[in-house]
Amino acid sequence: MRLTFWGAAQTVTGSMHMLELGGRRVLLDCGLFQGRRAEASRINREFPASPSSIDVVLLSHAHIDHSGLLPRLYRDGFRGRVFATRATVDLCEAMLADSAHIQEKDVEWVNRREHRRGSDRIEPLYSAEDVEGLLGCFEGVDYRESFSPFAGLQVEYRDAGHILGSASMTLTVAGGGRTQRLGFTGDVGRAHRPILRDPDPMPDCDWLISESTHGGRVHEPAEQAKEHLARVVGETAARGGKVIIPAFAVGRTQEIVHELDGLQHKGKLPPIPVYVDSPLAVDVTEVFRAHPECFDEPMRAHIQRDANPFGFARLTYIRDAEESKKLNASRLPMVILSASGMCEAGRVLHHLRNNVADPRNTVMIVGYCAPHTLGRRIVEREREVRIFGESHPLRAHVEVMNAYSAHADQPELVDFIGRMDRDRLHRIFLVHGDPSAQLALADALVAAGTVRPEAPGRGESVEL
């Protein structure tokens, strides 16, 4: 049994790992790499094996850095099966169609610019037709119900508590008169967060692939985060400015909306409008409404009192592009949530281009931003940022709130992994993390009594 680490190896994007087992090939995730344009274009066209030779994809969740390369896999010859939870299947239908649209529009813009320079045209990674073909490969599964992609392999998904439908997975391999287990955490969520259930502990494993995004970090307590959010909105409104919140359309947007709803109900927000400016976020919110089985008990009780938990009086969802443009023309205070969370694509780029130079405004970063993304440059408060190829002075206030991260912090990851039988757990492989975060988490896990974790690089293989 050979395991090859391909994406999200010593970095936090493009999750993809390949398991070769008895002549079969299985991908654990198939995510889009996000970063510098030239590097991302190259990496996103490379796979650890010919796509036509891949039999199965086991998908942990719908975030684009975990699912966003599936249409390219299909375009290049994959015709196997993609297993995911039912909520993830529904999310992927909306998210991958949106990703294809972004790919096509982005290439169209680049080709117009490069044509003036006499450069060759480039092609999108994939099209809407590729997404449509891929959707026929999906098979929805339930949490805690074992399934067999092929003889000799059993898989069980458990709720990872990260986003709607997210899952950790345990692969049980039978052969030679014994069974062994490989675990993959996917992205681990956080306990006591609104809307979703807490992460479900994983079964004991012989080997574990674990995310490490927030190694070395401890998140701000949830109640402090609410007060922080209310304070930033209030102070920005008092300056006459706008709060721009780049937020992932899945999970982060719904959580922030839910928090703003609660703050308004308690009278802790100024009377200004709130806009969710993302057609994808509108579609995703409908998927949330269709999957209450993923909600925690407080959210289910909330629904009994409020049939519309993702809406309130001053909140407006925007699909139309012309309505989106009017937000930038307005000089009135407001809150705008718009995708993408790392500021690499989507309508948020237009809002940033029109608002980062105004010191009355605030850009609030509420999630992890990978190196070389616009979001990371804003987090690092660079004096100028490039948007659509043009430099803009960053004079707006910048607020970073890791409390809204959907990723477990270091103590939460140590607790999650520490629940496994440490005598059985022979090897731990850290992925989906920057090297510094992986080193910090490795040290913390060793201090907690586990075997010292490894941090494999891209293309590195191990025999299990």
Protein backbone atom coordinates (compact mmCIF):
# COMPACT_ATOMS: atom_id res chain seq x y z
CA MET A 1 0.00 0.00 0.00
CA ARG A 2 1.60 3.23 -1.18
CA LEU A 3 0.56 6.74 -0.14
CA THR A 4 1.69 9.74 -2.20
CA PHE A 5 1.27 13.30 -0.93
CA TRP A 6 0.51 15.68 -3.78
CA GLY A 7 -1.48 18.76 -2.76
CA ALA A 8 -1.54 20.70 0.53
CA ALA A 9 1.89 19.22 1.29
CA GLN A 10 3.71 21.79 3.44
CA THR A 11 1.19 24.39 2.30
CA VAL A 12 -2.48 25.21 2.95
CA THR A 13 -4.22 24.77 -0.37
CA GLY A 14 -4.91 22.21 -3.09
CA SER A 15 -5.58 19.18 -0.88
CA MET A 16 -4.83 15.90 -2.72
CA HIS A 17 -3.27 12.59 -1.70
CA MET A 18 -3.18 9.29 -3.61
CA LEU A 19 -3.47 5.80 -2.15
CA GLU A 20 -2.43 2.85 -4.33
CA LEU A 21 -3.92 -0.40 -3.13
CA GLY A 22 -3.93 -3.75 -4.94
CA GLY A 23 -3.70 -2.16 -8.36
CA ARG A 24 -6.38 0.42 -7.54
CA ARG A 25 -5.86 4.17 -7.15
CA VAL A 26 -7.79 6.34 -4.72
CA LEU A 27 -7.56 10.12 -4.36
CA LEU A 28 -8.23 11.65 -0.97
CA ASP A 29 -9.60 15.05 -2.03
CA CYS A 30 -8.94 16.80 -5.33
CA GLY A 31 -8.51 20.46 -4.48
CA LEU A 32 -7.65 23.59 -6.42
CA PHE A 33 -4.27 25.17 -5.62
CA GLN A 34 -4.60 28.91 -4.93
CA GLY A 35 -1.66 31.30 -5.10
CA ARG A 36 0.49 33.08 -7.67
CA ARG A 37 -1.18 32.86 -11.08
CA ALA A 38 1.66 31.18 -13.00
CA GLU A 39 2.44 28.70 -10.22
CA ALA A 40 -1.23 27.87 -9.67
CA SER A 41 -1.79 27.36 -13.40
CA ARG A 42 1.08 24.87 -13.56
CA ILE A 43 0.22 22.95 -10.40
CA ASN A 44 -3.47 22.72 -11.22
CA ARG A 45 -2.64 20.93 -14.48
CA GLU A 46 -0.58 18.22 -12.77
CA PHE A 47 -1.87 15.03 -11.14
CA PRO A 48 0.02 12.25 -9.30
CA ALA A 49 -1.15 9.76 -11.94
CA SER A 50 -3.10 9.75 -15.19
CA PRO A 51 -6.68 10.82 -14.34
CA SER A 52 -8.05 7.92 -16.39
CA SER A 53 -6.23 5.52 -14.03
CA ILE A 54 -7.90 6.93 -10.88
CA ASP A 55 -10.69 4.61 -9.71
CA VAL A 56 -12.19 6.51 -6.79
CA VAL A 57 -12.12 9.96 -5.16
CA LEU A 58 -13.00 10.20 -1.47
CA LEU A 59 -13.99 13.81 -0.86
CA SER A 60 -13.80 15.29 2.64
CA HIS A 61 -15.82 18.44 1.95
CA ALA A 62 -16.84 21.00 -0.64
CA HIS A 63 -14.39 23.86 -0.10
CA ILE A 64 -12.72 24.62 -3.42
CA ASP A 65 -9.22 23.92 -2.09
CA HIS A 66 -10.46 20.35 -1.49
CA SER A 67 -12.91 19.80 -4.36
CA GLY A 68 -12.14 22.45 -6.98
CA LEU A 69 -9.89 20.38 -9.25
CA LEU A 70 -12.43 17.58 -9.76
CA PRO A 71 -13.75 19.03 -13.05
CA ARG A 72 -10.17 19.17 -14.40
CA LEU A 73 -9.69 15.54 -13.35
CA TYR A 74 -12.83 14.68 -15.31
CA ARG A 75 -11.74 16.79 -18.29
CA ASP A 76 -8.44 14.85 -18.40
CA GLY A 77 -10.08 11.42 -18.42
CA PHE A 78 -11.39 10.46 -14.95
CA ARG A 79 -14.59 8.38 -15.12
CA GLY A 80 -14.57 6.76 -11.68
CA ARG A 81 -16.77 7.47 -8.67
CA VAL A 82 -16.64 10.39 -6.22
CA PHE A 83 -17.93 9.59 -2.73
CA ALA A 84 -19.07 12.44 -0.48
CA THR A 85 -21.73 13.17 2.11
CA ARG A 86 -25.11 14.18 0.69
CA ALA A 87 -24.73 17.79 1.82
CA THR A 88 -21.29 17.92 0.17
CA VAL A 89 -22.74 16.62 -3.09
CA ASP A 90 -25.35 19.39 -3.09
CA LEU A 91 -22.76 22.03 -2.22
CA CYS A 92 -20.40 20.84 -4.98
CA GLU A 93 -23.12 21.17 -7.58
CA ALA A 94 -23.35 24.89 -6.83
CA MET A 95 -19.70 25.56 -6.01
CA LEU A 96 -18.08 23.79 -8.95
CA ALA A 97 -20.46 25.45 -11.41
CA ASP A 98 -19.48 28.79 -9.88
CA SER A 99 -15.79 27.85 -10.06
CA ALA A 100 -16.12 27.01 -13.76
CA HIS A 101 -17.77 30.38 -14.37
CA ILE A 102 -14.92 32.13 -12.56
CA GLN A 103 -12.32 30.13 -14.53
CA GLU A 104 -13.91 31.14 -17.82
CA LYS A 105 -14.35 34.81 -16.90
CA ASP A 106 -10.84 35.06 -15.47
CA VAL A 107 -9.30 33.61 -18.64
CA GLU A 108 -11.44 35.90 -20.78
CA TRP A 109 -10.09 38.94 -18.90
CA VAL A 110 -6.48 37.71 -19.05
CA ASN A 111 -6.72 36.95 -22.76
CA ARG A 112 -8.04 40.46 -23.49
CA ARG A 113 -5.11 41.95 -21.59
CA GLU A 114 -2.49 39.63 -23.10
CA HIS A 115 -3.86 40.08 -26.63
CA ARG A 116 -2.83 43.70 -26.45
CA ARG A 117 0.69 42.51 -25.60
CA GLY A 118 0.76 39.96 -28.41
CA SER A 119 0.84 36.94 -26.06
CA ASP A 120 -0.74 33.55 -26.76
CA ARG A 121 -4.24 32.81 -25.52
CA ILE A 122 -4.69 30.58 -22.49
CA GLU A 123 -7.47 28.10 -21.79
CA PRO A 124 -9.53 27.75 -18.59
CA LEU A 125 -8.80 24.79 -16.33
CA TYR A 126 -12.30 23.51 -17.03
CA SER A 127 -15.72 24.50 -18.29
CA ALA A 128 -19.35 24.24 -17.24
CA GLU A 129 -19.62 21.17 -19.48
CA ASP A 130 -16.84 19.46 -17.50
CA VAL A 131 -18.69 20.17 -14.27
CA GLU A 132 -21.91 18.77 -15.72
CA GLY A 133 -20.14 15.55 -16.71
CA LEU A 134 -18.43 15.23 -13.35
CA LEU A 135 -21.67 15.52 -11.38
CA GLY A 136 -22.73 12.15 -12.79
CA CYS A 137 -19.79 10.55 -10.95
CA PHE A 138 -20.94 11.59 -7.45
CA GLU A 139 -22.38 9.12 -4.95
CA GLY A 140 -23.84 10.47 -1.71
CA VAL A 141 -23.22 8.61 1.55
CA ASP A 142 -24.34 9.04 5.15
CA TYR A 143 -22.24 9.68 8.24
CA ARG A 144 -21.23 6.56 10.20
CA GLU A 145 -22.44 4.17 7.47
CA SER A 146 -19.61 2.01 6.12
CA PHE A 147 -19.35 1.66 2.32
CA SER A 148 -17.03 -0.27 0.03
CA PRO A 149 -15.68 1.50 -3.09
CA PHE A 150 -14.18 -1.85 -4.14
CA ALA A 151 -13.30 -5.24 -2.64
CA GLY A 152 -10.80 -5.03 0.19
CA LEU A 153 -11.59 -1.42 1.18
CA GLN A 154 -14.21 -0.17 3.63
CA VAL A 155 -14.70 3.55 4.29
CA GLU A 156 -16.57 5.38 7.04
CA TYR A 157 -17.24 9.13 7.12
CA ARG A 158 -17.72 11.00 10.38
CA ASP A 159 -18.81 14.60 10.92
CA ALA A 160 -15.71 16.83 10.98
CA GLY A 161 -17.67 19.89 12.16
CA HIS A 162 -15.79 22.14 9.70
CA ILE A 163 -18.48 23.16 7.20
CA LEU A 164 -21.84 21.72 6.20
CA GLY A 165 -21.30 18.11 5.13
CA SER A 166 -17.61 18.01 6.04
CA ALA A 167 -16.17 14.64 6.99
CA SER A 168 -13.16 12.89 8.39
CA MET A 169 -12.68 9.43 6.92
CA THR A 170 -11.37 6.08 8.03
CA LEU A 171 -10.19 3.59 5.39
CA THR A 172 -10.09 -0.03 6.57
CA VAL A 173 -7.94 -2.26 4.38
CA ALA A 174 -8.29 -6.04 4.53
CA GLY A 175 -5.56 -8.38 3.34
CA GLY A 176 -3.09 -11.01 4.48
CA GLY A 177 -5.42 -12.18 7.21
CA ARG A 178 -5.59 -8.82 9.00
CA THR A 179 -7.15 -5.39 8.73
CA GLN A 180 -5.43 -2.02 9.08
CA ARG A 181 -6.75 1.52 9.16
CA LEU A 182 -5.70 4.77 7.54
CA GLY A 183 -7.38 7.90 8.85
CA PHE A 184 -7.71 11.29 7.11
CA THR A 185 -9.02 14.17 9.20
CA GLY A 186 -9.96 16.37 6.26
CA ASP A 187 -10.33 19.79 7.88
CA VAL A 188 -11.18 19.55 11.58
CA GLY A 189 -13.78 21.97 12.86
CA ARG A 190 -14.28 23.45 16.30
CA ALA A 191 -16.47 22.56 19.24
CA HIS A 192 -19.17 24.94 20.50
CA ARG A 193 -19.46 26.87 17.23
CA PRO A 194 -22.90 28.00 16.04
CA ILE A 195 -24.98 26.10 13.45
CA LEU A 196 -23.03 22.84 13.03
CA ARG A 197 -22.43 19.84 15.28
CA ASP A 198 -19.11 19.47 17.08
CA PRO A 199 -16.44 17.28 15.42
CA ASP A 200 -17.14 13.57 15.84
CA PRO A 201 -14.10 11.64 17.20
CA MET A 202 -12.43 9.32 14.71
CA PRO A 203 -11.93 5.56 15.25
CA ASP A 204 -8.49 4.32 16.25
CA CYS A 205 -6.07 4.13 13.29
CA ASP A 206 -2.68 2.68 12.41
CA TRP A 207 -1.76 5.74 10.31
CA LEU A 208 -3.24 9.23 10.30
CA ILE A 209 -3.15 12.10 7.79
CA SER A 210 -4.01 15.25 9.72
CA GLU A 211 -4.50 18.86 8.78
CA SER A 212 -2.30 21.37 10.61
CA THR A 213 -3.60 24.76 9.45
CA HIS A 214 -3.54 26.48 12.82
CA GLY A 215 -0.62 24.72 14.46
CA GLY A 216 0.89 27.12 16.99
CA ARG A 217 -2.29 29.20 17.30
CA VAL A 218 -5.00 29.61 19.91
CA HIS A 219 -8.25 31.18 18.73
CA GLU A 220 -10.05 34.06 20.41
CA PRO A 221 -13.01 32.88 22.56
CA ALA A 222 -16.39 32.99 20.79
CA GLU A 223 -17.99 35.57 23.09
CA GLN A 224 -15.03 37.94 22.65
CA ALA A 225 -15.38 37.51 18.89
CA LYS A 226 -19.00 38.68 18.99
CA GLU A 227 -18.01 41.79 20.92
CA HIS A 228 -15.11 42.37 18.52
CA LEU A 229 -17.45 42.12 15.51
CA ALA A 230 -19.96 44.52 17.05
CA ARG A 231 -17.20 46.99 17.95
CA VAL A 232 -15.69 47.01 14.45
CA VAL A 233 -19.06 47.51 12.77
CA GLY A 234 -19.97 50.29 15.21
CA GLU A 235 -16.65 52.15 14.89
CA THR A 236 -16.63 51.90 11.09
CA ALA A 237 -20.22 53.13 10.84
CA ALA A 238 -19.34 56.08 13.11
CA ARG A 239 -16.58 57.03 10.64
CA GLY A 240 -19.11 56.86 7.81
CA GLY A 241 -17.33 53.87 6.29
CA LYS A 242 -18.04 50.38 4.98
CA VAL A 243 -17.04 47.05 6.50
CA ILE A 244 -15.86 44.71 3.73
CA ILE A 245 -15.78 41.08 4.84
CA PRO A 246 -14.21 38.66 2.33
CA ALA A 247 -15.87 35.40 3.37
CA PHE A 248 -16.07 31.90 1.99
CA ALA A 249 -19.53 31.35 0.53
CA VAL A 250 -19.80 28.08 2.45
CA GLY A 251 -19.89 28.21 6.22
CA ARG A 252 -18.20 31.51 7.00
CA THR A 253 -20.87 33.66 5.34
CA GLN A 254 -23.72 31.79 7.06
CA GLU A 255 -21.98 31.97 10.45
CA ILE A 256 -21.30 35.72 10.19
CA VAL A 257 -24.91 36.32 9.10
CA HIS A 258 -26.13 34.29 12.07
CA GLU A 259 -23.89 36.31 14.42
CA LEU A 260 -25.02 39.65 12.97
CA ASP A 261 -28.63 38.53 13.36
CA GLY A 262 -28.03 37.83 17.05
CA LEU A 263 -26.18 41.12 17.62
CA GLN A 264 -28.95 43.11 15.95
CA HIS A 265 -31.58 41.31 18.02
CA LYS A 266 -29.66 42.38 21.16
CA GLY A 267 -29.40 45.98 19.95
CA LYS A 268 -25.61 45.87 19.61
CA LEU A 269 -25.38 46.97 15.96
CA PRO A 270 -25.91 50.43 14.45
CA PRO A 271 -28.92 50.70 12.11
CA ILE A 272 -26.99 50.14 8.86
CA PRO A 273 -27.73 47.71 6.02
CA VAL A 274 -25.94 44.38 5.59
CA TYR A 275 -25.44 42.85 2.15
CA VAL A 276 -24.41 39.35 1.15
CA ASP A 277 -23.09 40.04 -2.33
CA SER A 278 -22.43 36.62 -3.80
CA PRO A 279 -24.71 34.59 -6.06
CA LEU A 280 -22.89 31.48 -4.81
CA ALA A 281 -23.53 32.38 -1.16
CA VAL A 282 -27.23 32.75 -1.98
CA ASP A 283 -27.27 29.26 -3.53
CA VAL A 284 -25.23 27.79 -0.68
CA THR A 285 -27.55 29.27 1.94
CA GLU A 286 -30.40 27.40 0.26
CA VAL A 287 -28.36 24.18 0.56
CA PHE A 288 -27.93 24.93 4.27
CA ARG A 289 -31.69 25.25 4.63
CA ALA A 290 -32.10 21.86 2.90
CA HIS A 291 -29.80 20.01 5.33
CA PRO A 292 -30.93 20.64 8.91
CA GLU A 293 -29.70 17.12 9.77
CA CYS A 294 -26.21 18.68 9.94
CA PHE A 295 -27.22 21.32 12.51
CA ASP A 296 -26.47 21.15 16.23
CA GLU A 297 -29.23 21.11 18.85
CA PRO A 298 -29.14 24.87 19.62
CA MET A 299 -29.57 25.64 15.92
CA ARG A 300 -32.46 23.19 15.61
CA ALA A 301 -34.11 24.85 18.62
CA HIS A 302 -33.46 28.28 17.04
CA ILE A 303 -35.26 27.16 13.87
CA GLN A 304 -38.33 26.38 15.95
CA ARG A 305 -38.42 30.06 16.97
CA ASP A 306 -37.16 31.56 13.72
CA ALA A 307 -37.92 29.76 10.45
CA ASN A 308 -35.39 31.99 8.63
CA PRO A 309 -32.12 31.71 10.62
CA PHE A 310 -30.06 33.19 7.77
CA GLY A 311 -32.03 36.38 7.29
CA PHE A 312 -33.08 39.50 9.22
CA ALA A 313 -34.67 42.87 8.56
CA ARG A 314 -31.59 44.82 7.42
CA LEU A 315 -30.04 41.94 5.46
CA THR A 316 -30.20 41.77 1.67
CA TYR A 317 -28.91 38.95 -0.54
CA ILE A 318 -27.67 40.15 -3.94
CA ARG A 319 -27.44 38.14 -7.16
CA ASP A 320 -27.65 40.83 -9.83
CA ALA A 321 -24.34 42.37 -10.95
CA GLU A 322 -25.86 45.82 -11.39
CA GLU A 323 -27.11 45.79 -7.80
CA SER A 324 -23.61 44.80 -6.72
CA LYS A 325 -22.12 47.80 -8.54
CA LYS A 326 -24.53 50.15 -6.75
CA LEU A 327 -22.95 49.20 -3.43
CA ASN A 328 -19.64 50.71 -4.56
CA ALA A 329 -21.37 53.84 -5.85
CA SER A 330 -23.05 54.41 -2.46
CA ARG A 331 -21.27 56.57 0.12
CA LEU A 332 -23.41 55.32 3.02
CA PRO A 333 -22.13 53.08 5.83
CA MET A 334 -22.86 49.37 5.32
CA VAL A 335 -21.53 45.85 5.83
CA ILE A 336 -20.70 43.80 2.71
CA LEU A 337 -19.94 40.08 2.85
CA SER A 338 -18.61 38.79 -0.44
CA ALA A 339 -16.60 35.80 -1.72
CA SER A 340 -13.88 34.71 -1.95
CA GLY A 341 -12.40 34.39 1.53
CA MET A 342 -8.78 34.64 0.30
CA CYS A 343 -9.68 37.56 -2.02
CA GLU A 344 -8.50 35.66 -5.10
CA ALA A 345 -11.67 35.83 -7.21
CA GLY A 346 -15.28 36.94 -7.23
CA ARG A 347 -17.11 40.17 -6.50
CA VAL A 348 -15.11 40.94 -3.37
CA LEU A 349 -12.26 42.05 -5.65
CA HIS A 350 -14.44 44.86 -7.01
CA HIS A 351 -15.40 45.93 -3.48
CA LEU A 352 -11.77 45.93 -2.39
CA ARG A 353 -10.64 47.86 -5.46
CA ASN A 354 -13.21 50.55 -4.71
CA ASN A 355 -12.73 50.72 -0.94
CA VAL A 356 -9.20 49.82 0.27
CA ALA A 357 -7.86 53.34 -0.27
CA ASP A 358 -10.46 55.02 1.99
CA PRO A 359 -9.39 55.24 5.68
CA ARG A 360 -13.02 55.37 6.78
CA ASN A 361 -13.49 51.77 5.67
CA THR A 362 -12.53 48.47 7.30
CA VAL A 363 -11.48 45.20 5.68
CA MET A 364 -12.24 42.38 8.10
CA ILE A 365 -10.43 39.08 7.43
CA VAL A 366 -12.30 36.23 9.14
CA GLY A 367 -10.38 33.17 7.91
CA TYR A 368 -7.03 31.76 6.88
CA CYS A 369 -5.39 33.33 3.81
CA ALA A 370 -2.67 31.33 2.08
CA PRO A 371 0.70 32.91 1.20
CA HIS A 372 0.82 34.97 -2.00
CA THR A 373 -2.94 35.59 -2.00
CA LEU A 374 -4.41 39.09 -1.90
CA GLY A 375 -5.99 38.21 1.44
CA ARG A 376 -2.57 37.45 2.95
CA ARG A 377 -1.18 40.75 1.62
CA ILE A 378 -4.04 42.57 3.34
CA VAL A 379 -3.47 40.61 6.57
CA GLU A 380 0.19 41.65 6.45
CA ARG A 381 -0.95 45.24 5.85
CA GLU A 382 1.20 45.92 2.82
CA ARG A 383 1.25 49.59 1.91
CA GLU A 384 -0.03 48.85 -1.60
CA VAL A 385 -1.95 45.86 -2.97
CA ARG A 386 -2.49 44.83 -6.57
CA ILE A 387 -6.08 44.24 -7.66
CA PHE A 388 -6.89 43.43 -11.28
CA GLY A 389 -3.28 44.20 -12.15
CA GLU A 390 -3.33 47.72 -10.69
CA SER A 391 -1.76 49.01 -7.46
CA HIS A 392 -4.00 50.52 -4.77
CA PRO A 393 -2.87 52.10 -1.49
CA LEU A 394 -4.13 50.14 1.52
CA ARG A 395 -5.43 52.92 3.77
CA ALA A 396 -8.52 51.13 5.09
CA HIS A 397 -8.41 49.68 8.60
CA VAL A 398 -7.60 45.96 8.67
CA GLU A 399 -9.10 43.66 11.30
CA VAL A 400 -8.12 39.97 11.52
CA MET A 401 -10.47 37.70 13.46
CA ASN A 402 -9.26 34.10 13.67
CA ALA A 403 -12.07 33.27 16.09
CA TYR A 404 -14.33 32.78 13.09
CA SER A 405 -11.98 30.25 11.59
CA ALA A 406 -13.69 26.93 10.84
CA HIS A 407 -10.37 25.16 11.57
CA ALA A 408 -9.46 23.78 14.97
CA ASP A 409 -6.61 25.62 16.70
CA GLN A 410 -3.59 23.82 18.14
CA PRO A 411 -5.11 22.75 21.50
CA GLU A 412 -8.23 21.52 19.68
CA LEU A 413 -6.18 19.52 17.16
CA VAL A 414 -4.07 17.98 19.94
CA ASP A 415 -7.26 17.00 21.76
CA PHE A 416 -8.84 15.57 18.57
CA ILE A 417 -5.81 13.42 17.71
CA GLY A 418 -5.13 12.57 21.34
CA ARG A 419 -8.44 10.72 21.62
CA MET A 420 -7.02 7.93 19.43
CA ASP A 421 -5.17 4.88 20.80
CA ARG A 422 -1.59 6.20 20.87
CA ASP A 423 -0.09 2.71 21.03
CA ARG A 424 -1.83 1.76 17.78
CA LEU A 425 -1.09 5.02 15.96
CA HIS A 426 2.26 4.22 14.29
CA ARG A 427 2.67 7.26 12.03
CA ILE A 428 1.14 10.72 11.73
CA PHE A 429 1.49 12.75 8.54
CA LEU A 430 0.81 16.49 8.81
CA VAL A 431 -0.63 18.17 5.73
CA HIS A 432 -2.60 21.35 4.98
CA GLY A 433 -0.27 23.61 6.95
CA ASP A 434 2.66 25.95 6.56
CA PRO A 435 5.99 24.47 7.78
CA SER A 436 6.09 26.67 10.89
CA ALA A 437 2.57 25.59 11.87
CA GLN A 438 3.43 21.94 11.28
CA LEU A 439 6.54 22.16 13.46
CA ALA A 440 4.60 23.78 16.30
CA LEU A 441 1.83 21.17 16.11
CA ALA A 442 4.34 18.30 15.89
CA ASP A 443 6.05 19.49 19.08
CA ALA A 444 2.69 19.81 20.86
CA LEU A 445 1.62 16.31 19.82
CA VAL A 446 4.89 14.79 20.99
CA ALA A 447 4.47 16.59 24.33
CA ALA A 448 0.98 15.03 24.53
CA GLY A 449 2.44 11.55 24.07
CA THR A 450 2.05 10.70 20.38
CA VAL A 451 4.66 9.48 17.92
CA ARG A 452 6.54 12.38 16.28
CA PRO A 453 4.58 13.45 13.19
CA GLU A 454 6.10 13.74 9.71
CA ALA A 455 5.52 16.61 7.25
CA PRO A 456 5.87 15.11 3.74
CA GLY A 457 6.60 17.29 0.74
CA ARG A 458 4.82 17.38 -2.61
CA GLY A 459 5.37 14.13 -4.51
CA GLU A 460 6.78 12.26 -1.50
CA SER A 461 5.58 8.64 -1.18
CA VAL A 462 5.56 6.23 1.76
CA GLU A 463 4.88 2.50 1.97
CA LEU A 464 2.29 1.53 4.58
